[in-house]
Amino acid sequence: MKYLKSTTILLLILMSFSCNKDTVSSNNGTSSISVRLMDDPADFDNVFIEVVDVEVKLNDDSDNENGWQSLNAINTGVYDLLDLTGGINVLLVDDFQIPSGELNQIRLVLGSNNSVVMDGVSFSLNTPSAQQSGLKIKVNETLEANIAYTFLLDFMVEESIVIAGNSGNINLKPVIRASLEANTGAISGQVLPIGIQVEVSTVVGAEIVSTFTDEDGNFVLVGLDEGTYDLTITPEVSSGLSPLIIEDVEVTVGNTTTIETANLE
């Protein structure tokens, strides 16, 4: 009986160690993260920003400066945000391995070489907070072990550039919408005739998501939650063409819905 009792206790200890080991292994798993930057259209000639790094904060939803981890951003440098429309984006982080868990915040760290061009004249953008601590975006997504995630950072330029009263300063107060590609879908298509500026937009919750067609009339609206959308296609006023609304476009997670060619008249 003593031998049986000792053996039972030993088995329980081993089982307990095994369970604890499995739990630790699961908690210490890693996830892969990629980050892409894109832009909504805006009424400026150019908007240049200098991207220095991308950082994340894991398992910490506080506003303090501790706990940020660099994702070793690639393709850093100065970008014209208005080039990042119509489905074009820039890859800033490529399959970087981070500990699995709660991803609370992402921040885009900018340099000092930021400017906006209006009517052919270039103006410096004041970005003190961006230079000091980066542009923080609340995410609050749970990252599972051994899963790859791609985050789309939609830089909403029209809302982000503020002309300050009598001072004449032009400030960059970024508004950035973050979406998880694995949880979203997209809408693509072509608008005719080509050779004119055309905006394609839809409503996502309380926001308007939009893009321009490219030189061949093609467009892609990305980062859309699953659901049904109405598209508004708006040609430039000087074209003399009328806007067009395409209703009830279905979007499913992980897929791109391609609509029939839209002809403006």
Foldseek 3Di string as FASTA:
>chain_A
DVVVVVVVVVVVVVVVVVVVVVVVVQQQFKEWEWEKEAEFDDPFPWKKWFFDFKWWAFPDQDPDQPRIDTLQWPPTGIDTRLVRFQPRIGIGHDGRIDGFFWTFKMFTATDQPIWTHHPNDIDGADEVVSNPRGHIDTDGDGGGGPYYKYKYKYWYQNVQWDQDDPVRHIYGRTDIDIAILQQWEKEKEFEDDAPFWKKKWWDAPPDIFIGIHDRRRIGMGIRHGFDFIKIWIGTDVVVVWDIDIDGGQGIDRPYYHYDYYHYID
